[in-house]
Amino acid sequence: MSLVKLVDPVAEADLGRVHFIGIGGAGMSGIARILLKRGIRVSGSDARSSELITELRELGATVHIGHAASHIRDVDTVVVSTAIRDSNPELGEALKQGLRIIPRAAALASVMAGRTAVAIAGTHGKTTTTSMLTVALQKCGADPSYCVGGQLVTTGLGADDGQGRVFVAEADESDGSFLMLAPDIAVVTNVEADHLDNYGDPRAVHDSFARFADRVGSLLVVCADDPGAAELARRAAERGQRVKTYGTQGEHYRVCDVRPDGFGTVFAIEGKGEVRLAVPGAHNALNAAAAIAVADELGLPFEEIRDGLGAFTGAKRRFEAKGEAGGIAVFDSYAHHPTELTADLRAARDVVASYSGTGRVIAVFQPHLYSRTRFFAEEFGQALGLADEAIVLDVYGAREDPEPGVSGAMVAGLVPLPPERVAYAPDRSAVPALVAARARPGDIVLTMGAGDITELGPQIVARLS
């Protein structure tokens, strides 16, 4: 898959009747939901039905299951997700009819226009930071519009159209499409090598973030603890851009006194006060600091945003509790990059210390994409060494075809734990029994990956029962 072709923004009023190819995806369904709530006619298609599609139909969308050229009827604009291939019959028909065809990010730019646009970018932490800021603004009464790459636990939604002046959105760098956004305020949580199947090399990733920073109108908020983001901040400031930094090394929002607190985290912002979160991990203290910096820029009192952050209970698939049985707690995480695995496993160690004091961490990991597994196999193995036991599934290929020699066995073989504490499980159905044989009261189990591993959590809980 190549980087998407950047297009000029389209005014929402000019979109006309909109058809989404791949409407069931988290980002696509969110934009469709917002358009429907604004009175715009929406249709779409997807390979399979889902709860999100049911919700869109209830809001008035016409949604087809399966793709066919005949679905492109009475349409002005076609929105495509990056998962759609050139051979898709609906895309072919739209081209044949000469319709306006835009990527998801261009549609997002359209619905953000006219609001105070806040975009959250970064290699990791985008969904959680966007969700934190959204929930905090809601608790402050700001009623923002939002579009997140996941679902808020508080609302069960990944997007909605609020009545306030602020629009908060997750900015996806995976295909370069975040360069279609021109936010008033932007956060960059970190800049690391990822999506190298698109970018080719790490330098191209950094250059893309630099171009994104150039598009920010008012304020760039950057995590000073991440070397890539810190370099981005330095370069932006040299160009005369207004920049504020946060983190333990932050100049404007310095994070200090970070400590676990049961399942949550406590930290302080120097010169402002203490914040208590209901989610674990030092990385979430950094995410919350980013939200505080944005709220400050929006003119919201620290005390209100602090209380709003305390009400944040997580986003789905971000260290999400799946259940408990036999004194063993099971969580699920979307982590699919070595840095994300490292952050979540460190948070898991904090949780297990509070949960039982003597328990262990059992990591169940499904590598996502053959290219990413090839690039980062060694780093994945090292990250899984933070667990006490590791079970590695086979690669979830998603949009990619298999690569000879690239499998979950590569990762399992690089985990620096004794062989008896590492298992390669190519048969996903065998995993609940494997976990049950290894887990004991006081342990926590963390399933990690961006694929269908998320289905295993409830199955593991059932087997433990």
Protein backbone atom coordinates (compact mmCIF):
# COMPACT_ATOMS: atom_id res chain seq x y z
CA MET A 1 0.00 0.00 0.00
CA SER A 2 1.39 3.38 -0.96
CA LEU A 3 0.90 6.68 0.79
CA VAL A 4 -2.49 8.16 -0.01
CA LYS A 5 -2.72 10.94 -2.57
CA LEU A 6 -3.25 14.23 -0.78
CA VAL A 7 -6.28 16.21 -1.93
CA ASP A 8 -7.54 19.72 -1.36
CA PRO A 9 -10.11 20.04 1.43
CA VAL A 10 -13.78 19.96 0.47
CA ALA A 11 -16.30 22.18 2.25
CA GLU A 12 -18.86 20.10 4.12
CA ALA A 13 -21.67 21.89 2.26
CA ASP A 14 -20.14 20.75 -1.05
CA LEU A 15 -19.94 17.06 -0.18
CA GLY A 16 -23.53 16.41 -1.22
CA ARG A 17 -24.66 12.80 -0.81
CA VAL A 18 -21.79 10.77 0.61
CA HIS A 19 -21.00 7.07 0.14
CA PHE A 20 -18.38 5.34 2.34
CA ILE A 21 -16.57 2.28 1.00
CA GLY A 22 -15.59 0.45 4.18
CA ILE A 23 -18.08 2.30 6.36
CA GLY A 24 -17.77 -0.14 9.27
CA GLY A 25 -14.23 0.89 10.24
CA ALA A 26 -13.72 2.91 13.42
CA GLY A 27 -12.66 6.10 11.65
CA MET A 28 -15.04 5.83 8.70
CA SER A 29 -18.12 5.07 10.81
CA GLY A 30 -17.32 8.02 13.09
CA ILE A 31 -17.27 10.53 10.24
CA ALA A 32 -20.43 8.99 8.81
CA ARG A 33 -22.13 9.35 12.19
CA ILE A 34 -21.23 13.05 12.39
CA LEU A 35 -22.49 13.72 8.85
CA LEU A 36 -25.77 11.95 9.60
CA LYS A 37 -26.27 14.04 12.74
CA ARG A 38 -25.70 17.15 10.62
CA GLY A 39 -28.45 16.13 8.22
CA ILE A 40 -26.30 14.87 5.31
CA ARG A 41 -27.44 11.81 3.36
CA VAL A 42 -25.06 8.89 3.87
CA SER A 43 -24.75 5.44 2.33
CA GLY A 44 -21.99 2.89 2.51
CA SER A 45 -20.81 -0.68 2.28
CA ASP A 46 -18.63 -3.09 4.17
CA ALA A 47 -17.58 -6.72 4.01
CA ARG A 48 -19.48 -7.67 7.17
CA SER A 49 -22.08 -6.32 9.55
CA SER A 50 -21.29 -4.96 13.01
CA GLU A 51 -22.79 -3.01 15.90
CA LEU A 52 -21.37 0.19 14.39
CA ILE A 53 -23.23 -0.48 11.13
CA THR A 54 -26.45 -1.17 13.03
CA GLU A 55 -26.08 2.19 14.80
CA LEU A 56 -25.50 4.00 11.48
CA ARG A 57 -28.63 2.43 10.01
CA GLU A 58 -30.62 3.59 13.04
CA LEU A 59 -29.35 7.12 12.33
CA GLY A 60 -30.63 6.89 8.75
CA ALA A 61 -27.72 5.53 6.69
CA THR A 62 -28.22 3.03 3.89
CA VAL A 63 -25.55 0.37 4.39
CA HIS A 64 -24.90 -2.62 2.13
CA ILE A 65 -23.07 -5.75 3.24
CA GLY A 66 -20.69 -6.70 0.46
CA HIS A 67 -19.33 -4.51 -2.33
CA ALA A 68 -21.01 -4.06 -5.72
CA ALA A 69 -20.92 -1.41 -8.45
CA SER A 70 -24.70 -1.03 -8.18
CA HIS A 71 -24.29 0.54 -4.72
CA ILE A 72 -22.86 3.67 -6.36
CA ARG A 73 -26.16 5.27 -7.18
CA ASP A 74 -27.41 8.79 -6.44
CA VAL A 75 -24.01 9.73 -4.94
CA ASP A 76 -21.93 12.93 -5.11
CA THR A 77 -18.86 12.09 -3.00
CA VAL A 78 -17.20 8.74 -2.31
CA VAL A 79 -15.02 8.30 0.78
CA VAL A 80 -12.53 5.42 0.77
CA SER A 81 -10.57 3.87 3.61
CA THR A 82 -6.94 2.87 3.13
CA ALA A 83 -8.00 -0.79 3.37
CA ILE A 84 -9.86 -0.55 0.05
CA ARG A 85 -7.98 -2.00 -2.89
CA ASP A 86 -7.95 -0.61 -6.43
CA SER A 87 -9.92 -3.65 -7.60
CA ASN A 88 -12.94 -2.76 -5.45
CA PRO A 89 -16.01 -2.65 -7.77
CA GLU A 90 -17.52 0.40 -6.06
CA LEU A 91 -14.30 2.34 -6.43
CA GLY A 92 -14.18 1.33 -10.09
CA GLU A 93 -17.75 2.50 -10.64
CA ALA A 94 -17.08 5.82 -8.88
CA LEU A 95 -14.11 6.39 -11.19
CA LYS A 96 -16.24 5.46 -14.20
CA GLN A 97 -18.91 7.99 -13.20
CA GLY A 98 -16.30 10.69 -12.54
CA LEU A 99 -17.42 11.20 -8.95
CA ARG A 100 -15.44 13.07 -6.33
CA ILE A 101 -13.35 10.44 -4.46
CA ILE A 102 -11.63 11.44 -1.24
CA PRO A 103 -9.75 9.55 1.50
CA ARG A 104 -11.05 9.32 5.05
CA ALA A 105 -8.76 12.10 6.32
CA ALA A 106 -10.11 14.56 3.76
CA ALA A 107 -13.65 13.81 4.93
CA LEU A 108 -12.49 14.35 8.52
CA ALA A 109 -11.01 17.73 7.54
CA SER A 110 -14.39 18.67 6.06
CA VAL A 111 -16.35 17.96 9.25
CA MET A 112 -13.72 19.73 11.42
CA ALA A 113 -13.88 22.94 9.38
CA GLY A 114 -15.39 25.89 11.20
CA ARG A 115 -14.57 24.55 14.68
CA THR A 116 -11.52 25.04 16.90
CA ALA A 117 -9.72 21.98 15.57
CA VAL A 118 -7.48 19.96 17.89
CA ALA A 119 -5.57 17.05 16.32
CA ILE A 120 -3.71 14.42 18.35
CA ALA A 121 -0.84 12.80 16.43
CA GLY A 122 2.05 10.49 17.30
CA THR A 123 3.30 6.98 16.75
CA HIS A 124 1.70 5.82 20.01
CA GLY A 125 -0.86 7.14 22.47
CA LYS A 126 -3.11 8.94 19.97
CA THR A 127 -6.33 7.15 20.84
CA THR A 128 -5.86 7.37 24.60
CA THR A 129 -4.82 11.03 24.55
CA THR A 130 -7.70 11.98 22.21
CA SER A 131 -10.11 10.06 24.44
CA MET A 132 -8.74 11.61 27.65
CA LEU A 133 -9.05 15.12 26.29
CA THR A 134 -12.56 14.44 24.98
CA VAL A 135 -13.84 13.05 28.29
CA ALA A 136 -12.21 15.87 30.25
CA LEU A 137 -13.78 18.51 27.98
CA GLN A 138 -17.17 16.80 28.30
CA LYS A 139 -16.89 16.84 32.09
CA CYS A 140 -16.04 20.56 31.90
CA GLY A 141 -19.26 21.19 29.95
CA ALA A 142 -17.45 22.10 26.72
CA ASP A 143 -19.46 19.48 24.72
CA PRO A 144 -16.82 18.91 22.00
CA SER A 145 -17.26 17.10 18.73
CA TYR A 146 -14.80 14.23 18.51
CA CYS A 147 -13.54 11.47 16.28
CA VAL A 148 -11.36 8.81 17.90
CA GLY A 149 -9.78 5.65 16.49
CA GLY A 150 -11.46 3.63 19.23
CA GLN A 151 -14.49 3.77 21.51
CA LEU A 152 -14.81 5.72 24.74
CA VAL A 153 -15.79 3.54 27.68
CA THR A 154 -17.91 6.41 29.02
CA THR A 155 -20.11 6.79 25.91
CA GLY A 156 -19.51 3.60 23.92
CA LEU A 157 -18.94 5.84 20.88
CA GLY A 158 -15.88 6.61 18.77
CA ALA A 159 -17.30 9.85 17.41
CA ASP A 160 -20.10 12.32 17.98
CA ASP A 161 -21.15 15.82 17.02
CA GLY A 162 -21.18 18.11 20.05
CA GLN A 163 -22.59 21.60 20.30
CA GLY A 164 -19.38 23.21 21.57
CA ARG A 165 -16.77 25.13 19.59
CA VAL A 166 -14.03 22.47 19.88
CA PHE A 167 -13.49 19.45 17.62
CA VAL A 168 -10.98 16.87 18.89
CA ALA A 169 -9.69 14.27 16.44
CA GLU A 170 -7.09 11.55 16.25
CA ALA A 171 -4.66 12.25 13.40
CA ASP A 172 -3.47 9.05 11.74
CA GLU A 173 0.07 9.11 10.34
CA SER A 174 0.08 5.51 9.09
CA ASP A 175 -0.50 6.43 5.45
CA GLY A 176 0.47 10.11 5.57
CA SER A 177 -3.15 11.22 5.45
CA PHE A 178 -2.80 13.43 8.54
CA LEU A 179 -1.20 15.93 6.17
CA MET A 180 -4.74 16.72 4.95
CA LEU A 181 -5.56 18.24 8.34
CA ALA A 182 -4.78 21.84 9.28
CA PRO A 183 -5.59 22.00 13.00
CA ASP A 184 -5.52 25.08 15.19
CA ILE A 185 -3.87 23.07 17.97
CA ALA A 186 -1.96 19.82 17.60
CA VAL A 187 -0.35 17.37 20.00
CA VAL A 188 2.52 15.11 18.98
CA THR A 189 3.01 12.38 21.60
CA ASN A 190 6.08 10.78 20.01
CA VAL A 191 7.78 10.20 16.66
CA GLU A 192 9.21 6.73 16.04
CA ALA A 193 9.76 4.37 13.14
CA ASP A 194 6.56 2.54 12.22
CA HIS A 195 4.54 1.82 9.08
CA LEU A 196 7.79 1.36 7.22
CA ASP A 197 5.88 -0.63 4.59
CA ASN A 198 4.55 2.82 3.59
CA TYR A 199 7.39 5.17 4.49
CA GLY A 200 10.39 3.04 3.56
CA ASP A 201 12.74 4.38 6.24
CA PRO A 202 12.58 6.19 9.61
CA ARG A 203 13.75 9.51 8.12
CA ALA A 204 10.62 9.65 5.96
CA VAL A 205 8.47 9.18 9.09
CA HIS A 206 10.18 12.13 10.82
CA ASP A 207 9.87 14.29 7.72
CA SER A 208 6.15 13.55 7.53
CA PHE A 209 5.63 14.71 11.12
CA ALA A 210 7.63 17.87 10.35
CA ARG A 211 5.27 18.60 7.46
CA PHE A 212 2.31 17.99 9.77
CA ALA A 213 3.74 20.45 12.30
CA ASP A 214 3.98 23.07 9.56
CA ARG A 215 0.21 22.82 9.08
CA VAL A 216 -0.62 23.72 12.70
CA GLY A 217 -2.16 27.18 12.95
CA SER A 218 -1.81 28.27 16.57
CA LEU A 219 -0.01 25.92 18.97
CA LEU A 220 2.07 22.75 18.71
CA VAL A 221 2.13 20.69 21.94
CA VAL A 222 4.95 18.14 22.07
CA CYS A 223 6.21 15.48 24.50
CA ALA A 224 9.78 16.41 25.45
CA ASP A 225 10.50 12.90 26.79
CA ASP A 226 10.50 11.37 23.32
CA PRO A 227 13.66 12.11 21.29
CA GLY A 228 11.85 12.22 17.96
CA ALA A 229 9.14 14.54 19.25
CA ALA A 230 11.68 16.73 21.07
CA GLU A 231 13.62 17.17 17.83
CA LEU A 232 10.36 18.06 16.06
CA ALA A 233 9.67 20.72 18.72
CA ARG A 234 13.15 22.19 18.38
CA ARG A 235 12.90 22.45 14.59
CA ALA A 236 9.40 23.96 14.79
CA ALA A 237 10.49 26.57 17.35
CA GLU A 238 13.47 27.53 15.17
CA ARG A 239 11.01 28.22 12.34
CA GLY A 240 9.15 30.62 14.61
CA GLN A 241 6.27 28.31 15.43
CA ARG A 242 4.62 28.55 18.84
CA VAL A 243 5.52 25.38 20.77
CA LYS A 244 4.86 24.11 24.28
CA THR A 245 6.37 20.92 25.72
CA TYR A 246 5.21 18.49 28.39
CA GLY A 247 6.64 15.46 30.18
CA THR A 248 9.24 14.76 32.84
CA GLN A 249 11.57 16.84 30.66
CA GLY A 250 8.85 19.31 29.66
CA GLU A 251 9.57 23.03 29.82
CA HIS A 252 5.97 24.23 30.19
CA TYR A 253 4.11 21.24 31.72
CA ARG A 254 6.62 19.28 33.78
CA VAL A 255 5.37 15.90 34.99
CA CYS A 256 6.72 14.79 38.36
CA ASP A 257 6.03 12.43 41.27
CA VAL A 258 4.52 9.70 39.08
CA ARG A 259 3.45 6.66 41.08
CA PRO A 260 1.01 3.75 40.76
CA ASP A 261 -2.19 3.95 42.79
CA GLY A 262 -4.05 0.65 42.73
CA PHE A 263 -5.26 0.25 39.16
CA GLY A 264 -4.64 3.96 38.56
CA THR A 265 -1.82 6.49 38.48
CA VAL A 266 -1.05 9.64 40.44
CA PHE A 267 1.24 12.42 39.21
CA ALA A 268 1.71 16.15 39.49
CA ILE A 269 2.14 19.01 37.04
CA GLU A 270 4.80 21.30 38.48
CA GLY A 271 3.28 24.61 39.55
CA LYS A 272 -0.30 23.41 39.09
CA GLY A 273 -1.07 20.44 41.32
CA GLU A 274 -1.73 16.72 41.60
CA VAL A 275 -3.78 14.62 39.18
CA ARG A 276 -5.27 11.22 39.94
CA LEU A 277 -6.05 8.93 36.99
CA ALA A 278 -8.18 5.78 36.94
CA VAL A 279 -5.90 4.14 34.35
CA PRO A 280 -2.45 2.61 34.94
CA GLY A 281 1.00 3.43 33.61
CA ALA A 282 3.50 6.28 33.58
CA HIS A 283 2.77 6.71 29.87
CA ASN A 284 -0.79 7.72 30.78
CA ALA A 285 0.55 10.48 33.02
CA LEU A 286 2.24 11.88 29.90
CA ASN A 287 -0.98 11.51 27.88
CA ALA A 288 -2.90 13.37 30.58
CA ALA A 289 -0.29 16.15 30.64
CA ALA A 290 -0.86 16.66 26.91
CA ALA A 291 -4.60 17.02 27.57
CA ILE A 292 -3.89 19.57 30.31
CA ALA A 293 -1.73 21.62 27.95
CA VAL A 294 -4.49 21.73 25.33
CA ALA A 295 -7.15 22.58 27.90
CA ASP A 296 -4.96 25.43 29.13
CA GLU A 297 -4.78 26.80 25.60
CA LEU A 298 -8.58 26.56 25.36
CA GLY A 299 -8.90 28.61 28.55
CA LEU A 300 -10.28 25.89 30.84
CA PRO A 301 -9.40 25.96 34.56
CA PHE A 302 -6.88 23.34 35.75
CA GLU A 303 -9.19 22.21 38.56
CA GLU A 304 -11.98 21.38 36.11
CA ILE A 305 -9.75 19.57 33.63
CA ARG A 306 -8.09 17.67 36.51
CA ASP A 307 -11.48 16.41 37.67
CA GLY A 308 -12.42 15.57 34.10
CA LEU A 309 -9.25 13.50 33.64
CA GLY A 310 -10.06 11.68 36.86
CA ALA A 311 -13.36 10.61 35.29
CA PHE A 312 -11.59 8.99 32.32
CA THR A 313 -11.91 5.22 32.66
CA GLY A 314 -10.21 4.27 29.41
CA ALA A 315 -10.84 3.57 25.77
CA LYS A 316 -11.83 0.17 24.46
CA ARG A 317 -8.87 -2.06 23.72
CA ARG A 318 -6.51 0.21 25.67
CA PHE A 319 -5.68 -1.93 28.72
CA GLU A 320 -9.37 -2.82 28.87
CA ALA A 321 -10.51 -5.15 31.64
CA LYS A 322 -12.15 -8.27 30.20
CA GLY A 323 -12.98 -10.09 33.41
CA GLU A 324 -11.66 -12.09 36.34
CA ALA A 325 -11.86 -15.76 37.30
CA GLY A 326 -10.09 -17.82 39.91
CA GLY A 327 -8.21 -14.81 41.21
CA ILE A 328 -6.76 -14.11 37.73
CA ALA A 329 -7.54 -10.81 35.97
CA VAL A 330 -7.61 -10.57 32.16
CA PHE A 331 -6.98 -7.36 30.18
CA ASP A 332 -6.86 -6.57 26.46
CA SER A 333 -4.65 -4.04 24.68
CA TYR A 334 -4.35 -2.76 21.11
CA ALA A 335 -0.54 -2.62 21.52
CA HIS A 336 1.13 -3.66 18.26
CA HIS A 337 4.48 -1.80 18.26
CA PRO A 338 7.45 -2.63 20.54
CA THR A 339 7.18 0.69 22.39
CA GLU A 340 3.50 0.06 23.06
CA LEU A 341 4.17 -3.45 24.35
CA THR A 342 6.87 -2.07 26.63
CA ALA A 343 4.59 0.64 28.06
CA ASP A 344 1.68 -1.74 28.64
CA LEU A 345 3.80 -4.47 30.21
CA ARG A 346 5.39 -1.95 32.58
CA ALA A 347 1.89 -0.77 33.49
CA ALA A 348 0.90 -4.41 33.97
CA ARG A 349 3.72 -4.84 36.48
CA ASP A 350 2.38 -1.84 38.42
CA VAL A 351 -1.13 -3.32 38.35
CA VAL A 352 -0.05 -6.78 39.49
CA ALA A 353 1.90 -5.25 42.35
CA SER A 354 -1.31 -3.56 43.55
CA TYR A 355 -3.56 -6.47 42.58
CA SER A 356 -1.84 -9.26 44.49
CA GLY A 357 1.71 -8.21 45.32
CA THR A 358 2.99 -11.68 44.41
CA GLY A 359 1.37 -12.37 41.04
CA ARG A 360 2.94 -12.57 37.62
CA VAL A 361 2.28 -11.04 34.20
CA ILE A 362 1.35 -13.41 31.38
CA ALA A 363 1.60 -11.74 27.97
CA VAL A 364 -0.34 -13.09 25.00
CA PHE A 365 0.80 -11.35 21.82
CA GLN A 366 -0.39 -11.49 18.21
CA PRO A 367 2.02 -9.75 15.80
CA HIS A 368 0.23 -7.46 13.35
CA LEU A 369 1.36 -7.29 9.70
CA TYR A 370 4.16 -9.37 8.18
CA SER A 371 6.19 -6.28 7.32
CA ARG A 372 6.04 -4.93 10.89
CA THR A 373 6.97 -8.36 12.26
CA ARG A 374 9.97 -8.52 9.93
CA PHE A 375 11.10 -4.99 10.86
CA PHE A 376 10.63 -5.33 14.63
CA ALA A 377 10.88 -9.05 15.51
CA GLU A 378 13.86 -8.54 17.82
CA GLU A 379 12.30 -5.51 19.53
CA PHE A 380 9.04 -7.43 20.05
CA GLY A 381 10.97 -10.26 21.66
CA GLN A 382 12.82 -7.90 23.99
CA ALA A 383 9.59 -6.18 25.02
CA LEU A 384 7.91 -9.50 25.83
CA GLY A 385 10.83 -10.26 28.12
CA LEU A 386 9.21 -7.82 30.57
CA ALA A 387 6.51 -10.43 31.20
CA ASP A 388 6.92 -13.51 33.37
CA GLU A 389 5.39 -15.76 30.71
CA ALA A 390 4.86 -15.09 27.01
CA ILE A 391 2.57 -16.76 24.49
CA VAL A 392 3.02 -15.65 20.87
CA LEU A 393 0.37 -16.25 18.21
CA ASP A 394 0.95 -16.26 14.49
CA VAL A 395 0.96 -13.03 12.48
CA TYR A 396 -2.35 -11.31 11.78
CA GLY A 397 -1.75 -10.30 8.17
CA ALA A 398 -4.62 -7.80 7.79
CA ARG A 399 -4.09 -6.17 4.39
CA GLU A 400 -0.79 -7.98 3.69
CA ASP A 401 -0.03 -11.31 2.05
CA PRO A 402 2.18 -13.79 3.95
CA GLU A 403 5.96 -13.49 3.65
CA PRO A 404 8.11 -16.64 3.57
CA GLY A 405 9.85 -17.18 6.88
CA VAL A 406 7.95 -14.45 8.73
CA SER A 407 5.79 -15.82 11.53
CA GLY A 408 5.08 -15.56 15.22
CA ALA A 409 7.79 -18.18 15.76
CA MET A 410 10.37 -15.50 14.86
CA VAL A 411 9.21 -13.38 17.78
CA ALA A 412 8.84 -16.27 20.22
CA GLY A 413 12.40 -17.34 19.51
CA LEU A 414 13.70 -13.89 20.47
CA VAL A 415 11.99 -13.56 23.87
CA PRO A 416 14.73 -13.50 26.54
CA LEU A 417 12.94 -15.83 28.96
CA PRO A 418 13.63 -19.49 29.79
CA PRO A 419 12.18 -21.71 27.01
CA GLU A 420 9.60 -23.26 29.33
CA ARG A 421 8.14 -19.77 29.92
CA VAL A 422 7.66 -18.98 26.21
CA ALA A 423 5.15 -20.66 23.90
CA TYR A 424 4.42 -20.28 20.19
CA ALA A 425 0.73 -20.90 19.52
CA PRO A 426 -0.09 -20.92 15.79
CA ASP A 427 -3.55 -22.32 16.63
CA ARG A 428 -5.42 -19.44 18.25
CA SER A 429 -8.11 -21.76 19.62
CA ALA A 430 -5.50 -23.46 21.82
CA VAL A 431 -4.57 -20.25 23.64
CA PRO A 432 -7.23 -20.25 26.42
CA ALA A 433 -6.12 -23.72 27.52
CA LEU A 434 -2.46 -22.66 27.37
CA VAL A 435 -3.17 -19.67 29.58
CA ALA A 436 -5.23 -21.70 32.03
CA ALA A 437 -2.38 -24.21 32.38
CA ARG A 438 0.11 -21.45 33.20
CA ALA A 439 -1.88 -18.91 35.23
CA ARG A 440 -2.37 -19.02 38.97
CA PRO A 441 -4.25 -16.83 41.46
CA GLY A 442 -2.84 -13.31 41.68
CA ASP A 443 -1.62 -13.26 38.06
CA ILE A 444 -2.85 -10.94 35.35
CA VAL A 445 -3.15 -11.92 31.69
CA LEU A 446 -2.68 -9.25 29.02
CA THR A 447 -3.68 -9.97 25.40
CA MET A 448 -1.96 -7.61 22.96
CA GLY A 449 -2.29 -6.92 19.26
CA ALA A 450 -4.30 -5.05 16.64
CA GLY A 451 -5.94 -8.13 15.11
CA ASP A 452 -8.59 -10.62 16.20
CA ILE A 453 -6.71 -11.48 19.40
CA THR A 454 -9.20 -9.15 21.10
CA GLU A 455 -11.73 -12.02 20.87
CA LEU A 456 -9.59 -14.17 23.17
CA GLY A 457 -10.13 -12.20 26.40
CA PRO A 458 -13.64 -13.48 27.13
CA GLN A 459 -12.63 -17.00 26.04
CA ILE A 460 -9.70 -16.97 28.45
CA VAL A 461 -11.96 -15.78 31.28
CA ALA A 462 -14.44 -18.55 30.47
CA ARG A 463 -11.68 -21.19 30.46
CA LEU A 464 -10.29 -19.91 33.76
CA SER A 465 -13.78 -20.21 35.24
